[in-house]
Amino acid sequence: MSEKTENRGGSPETYKLVNAYDETVRQNVRSMMEKTDMCRCDKCFLDTCAIVFNSQYSHFVTTREGEVLGKVPDMSPGNHAEMLVAIMKALRLVKDFPKH
């Protein structure tokens, strides 16, 4: 979803609403799925990501269209370990109750 606004100079800028955790969660889910005996289809991947995002890993920010997201929320080793636990729980749930 993109929104156009005018900056102070009058020219339009396009902004995008993004979850700052999006790429980190997706990369970790993909990596952990490869090590798990479960379906690796797009549906199971996205269901797992959705569970993780809905559990606690959503931090929405605005960014200019095409701009690389500058700052991901604090990912200390403890926070990263908590994320991995959340991903493992989500993977187990999707593995036990696939939606396809």
C-alpha atoms as a PDB file:
ATOM      1  CA  MET A   1       0.000   0.000   0.000  1.00  0.00           C
ATOM      2  CA  SER A   2       1.505   3.312  -1.044  1.00  0.00           C
ATOM      3  CA  GLU A   3       0.397   6.836  -0.316  1.00  0.00           C
ATOM      4  CA  LYS A   4       1.404   9.990  -2.191  1.00  0.00           C
ATOM      5  CA  THR A   5       1.962  13.195  -0.275  1.00  0.00           C
ATOM      6  CA  GLU A   6       3.478  16.517  -1.175  1.00  0.00           C
ATOM      7  CA  ASN A   7       6.732  17.541   0.412  1.00  0.00           C
ATOM      8  CA  ARG A   8       7.514  21.150   1.293  1.00  0.00           C
ATOM      9  CA  GLY A   9       8.780  21.800  -2.244  1.00  0.00           C
ATOM     10  CA  GLY A  10       5.413  20.807  -3.670  1.00  0.00           C
ATOM     11  CA  SER A  11       6.597  17.684  -5.498  1.00  0.00           C
ATOM     12  CA  PRO A  12       4.864  14.406  -4.627  1.00  0.00           C
ATOM     13  CA  GLU A  13       6.673  11.762  -2.596  1.00  0.00           C
ATOM     14  CA  THR A  14       5.426   8.223  -2.264  1.00  0.00           C
ATOM     15  CA  TYR A  15       5.546   6.560   1.124  1.00  0.00           C
ATOM     16  CA  LYS A  16       4.996   2.963   2.038  1.00  0.00           C
ATOM     17  CA  LEU A  17       3.844   1.335   5.282  1.00  0.00           C
ATOM     18  CA  VAL A  18       6.089  -1.619   6.124  1.00  0.00           C
ATOM     19  CA  ASN A  19       6.646  -4.031   8.986  1.00  0.00           C
ATOM     20  CA  ALA A  20      10.248  -3.483  10.086  1.00  0.00           C
ATOM     21  CA  TYR A  21      10.504  -7.160  11.078  1.00  0.00           C
ATOM     22  CA  ASP A  22       9.244  -8.438   7.714  1.00  0.00           C
ATOM     23  CA  GLU A  23      12.513  -9.457   6.075  1.00  0.00           C
ATOM     24  CA  THR A  24      14.090 -10.801   9.273  1.00  0.00           C
ATOM     25  CA  VAL A  25      11.089 -13.016  10.030  1.00  0.00           C
ATOM     26  CA  ARG A  26      10.816 -14.258   6.434  1.00  0.00           C
ATOM     27  CA  GLN A  27      14.518 -15.145   6.234  1.00  0.00           C
ATOM     28  CA  ASN A  28      14.456 -16.997   9.537  1.00  0.00           C
ATOM     29  CA  VAL A  29      11.238 -18.861   8.719  1.00  0.00           C
ATOM     30  CA  ARG A  30      12.640 -19.942   5.332  1.00  0.00           C
ATOM     31  CA  SER A  31      15.897 -21.090   6.936  1.00  0.00           C
ATOM     32  CA  MET A  32      14.176 -23.024   9.715  1.00  0.00           C
ATOM     33  CA  MET A  33      11.668 -24.631   7.327  1.00  0.00           C
ATOM     34  CA  GLU A  34      14.595 -26.081   5.382  1.00  0.00           C
ATOM     35  CA  LYS A  35      15.746 -27.843   8.561  1.00  0.00           C
ATOM     36  CA  THR A  36      12.294 -29.163   9.448  1.00  0.00           C
ATOM     37  CA  ASP A  37      10.440 -32.198   8.162  1.00  0.00           C
ATOM     38  CA  MET A  38       7.369 -30.333   6.958  1.00  0.00           C
ATOM     39  CA  CYS A  39       5.725 -28.989   3.843  1.00  0.00           C
ATOM     40  CA  ARG A  40       7.675 -26.058   2.387  1.00  0.00           C
ATOM     41  CA  CYS A  41       5.025 -24.704   0.029  1.00  0.00           C
ATOM     42  CA  ASP A  42       4.232 -20.981  -0.160  1.00  0.00           C
ATOM     43  CA  LYS A  43       0.980 -21.460   1.799  1.00  0.00           C
ATOM     44  CA  CYS A  44       2.761 -23.086   4.755  1.00  0.00           C
ATOM     45  CA  PHE A  45       5.552 -20.498   4.576  1.00  0.00           C
ATOM     46  CA  LEU A  46       3.126 -17.570   4.611  1.00  0.00           C
ATOM     47  CA  ASP A  47       0.921 -19.151   7.301  1.00  0.00           C
ATOM     48  CA  THR A  48       3.994 -19.518   9.508  1.00  0.00           C
ATOM     49  CA  CYS A  49       5.039 -15.910   8.875  1.00  0.00           C
ATOM     50  CA  ALA A  50       1.510 -14.695   9.656  1.00  0.00           C
ATOM     51  CA  ILE A  51       1.488 -16.509  12.998  1.00  0.00           C
ATOM     52  CA  VAL A  52       4.853 -15.002  13.939  1.00  0.00           C
ATOM     53  CA  PHE A  53       3.823 -11.494  12.860  1.00  0.00           C
ATOM     54  CA  ASN A  54       0.539 -11.746  14.753  1.00  0.00           C
ATOM     55  CA  SER A  55       2.196 -13.102  17.889  1.00  0.00           C
ATOM     56  CA  GLN A  56       4.524 -10.171  18.516  1.00  0.00           C
ATOM     57  CA  TYR A  57       6.713  -9.323  15.565  1.00  0.00           C
ATOM     58  CA  SER A  58       5.007  -6.380  13.975  1.00  0.00           C
ATOM     59  CA  HIS A  59       6.565  -2.951  14.120  1.00  0.00           C
ATOM     60  CA  PHE A  60       5.169  -0.781  11.358  1.00  0.00           C
ATOM     61  CA  VAL A  61       7.042   2.240  10.049  1.00  0.00           C
ATOM     62  CA  THR A  62       6.750   4.499   7.038  1.00  0.00           C
ATOM     63  CA  THR A  63       9.466   4.709   4.432  1.00  0.00           C
ATOM     64  CA  ARG A  64       9.839   6.374   1.058  1.00  0.00           C
ATOM     65  CA  GLU A  65       8.955   4.191  -1.906  1.00  0.00           C
ATOM     66  CA  GLY A  66      12.070   2.359  -3.081  1.00  0.00           C
ATOM     67  CA  GLU A  67      14.084   3.313  -0.006  1.00  0.00           C
ATOM     68  CA  VAL A  68      15.778   0.539   1.909  1.00  0.00           C
ATOM     69  CA  LEU A  69      14.388   0.229   5.401  1.00  0.00           C
ATOM     70  CA  GLY A  70      16.995   1.870   7.553  1.00  0.00           C
ATOM     71  CA  LYS A  71      16.423   0.591  11.063  1.00  0.00           C
ATOM     72  CA  VAL A  72      15.085  -2.723  12.208  1.00  0.00           C
ATOM     73  CA  PRO A  73      13.985  -2.766  15.852  1.00  0.00           C
ATOM     74  CA  ASP A  74      16.607  -3.915  18.372  1.00  0.00           C
ATOM     75  CA  MET A  75      17.683  -7.450  17.529  1.00  0.00           C
ATOM     76  CA  SER A  76      19.901  -8.288  20.488  1.00  0.00           C
ATOM     77  CA  PRO A  77      20.872 -11.954  20.888  1.00  0.00           C
ATOM     78  CA  GLY A  78      18.092 -12.362  23.455  1.00  0.00           C
ATOM     79  CA  ASN A  79      15.481 -10.839  21.149  1.00  0.00           C
ATOM     80  CA  HIS A  80      16.712 -12.970  18.256  1.00  0.00           C
ATOM     81  CA  ALA A  81      16.435 -16.111  20.407  1.00  0.00           C
ATOM     82  CA  GLU A  82      12.860 -15.155  21.340  1.00  0.00           C
ATOM     83  CA  MET A  83      12.037 -14.715  17.665  1.00  0.00           C
ATOM     84  CA  LEU A  84      13.441 -18.155  16.866  1.00  0.00           C
ATOM     85  CA  VAL A  85      11.298 -19.698  19.609  1.00  0.00           C
ATOM     86  CA  ALA A  86       8.209 -17.948  18.196  1.00  0.00           C
ATOM     87  CA  ILE A  87       9.100 -19.270  14.737  1.00  0.00           C
ATOM     88  CA  MET A  88       9.576 -22.830  16.042  1.00  0.00           C
ATOM     89  CA  LYS A  89       6.153 -22.706  17.725  1.00  0.00           C
ATOM     90  CA  ALA A  90       4.556 -21.391  14.527  1.00  0.00           C
ATOM     91  CA  LEU A  91       6.290 -24.056  12.415  1.00  0.00           C
ATOM     92  CA  ARG A  92       5.032 -26.793  14.729  1.00  0.00           C
ATOM     93  CA  LEU A  93       1.490 -25.425  14.530  1.00  0.00           C
ATOM     94  CA  VAL A  94       1.530 -25.214  10.730  1.00  0.00           C
ATOM     95  CA  LYS A  95       3.121 -28.657  10.442  1.00  0.00           C
ATOM     96  CA  ASP A  96       0.501 -30.229  12.731  1.00  0.00           C
ATOM     97  CA  PHE A  97      -2.461 -28.361  11.220  1.00  0.00           C
ATOM     98  CA  PRO A  98      -1.688 -27.425   7.582  1.00  0.00           C
ATOM     99  CA  LYS A  99      -4.362 -25.355   5.855  1.00  0.00           C
ATOM    100  CA  HIS A 100      -4.146 -27.150   2.506  1.00  0.00           C
END
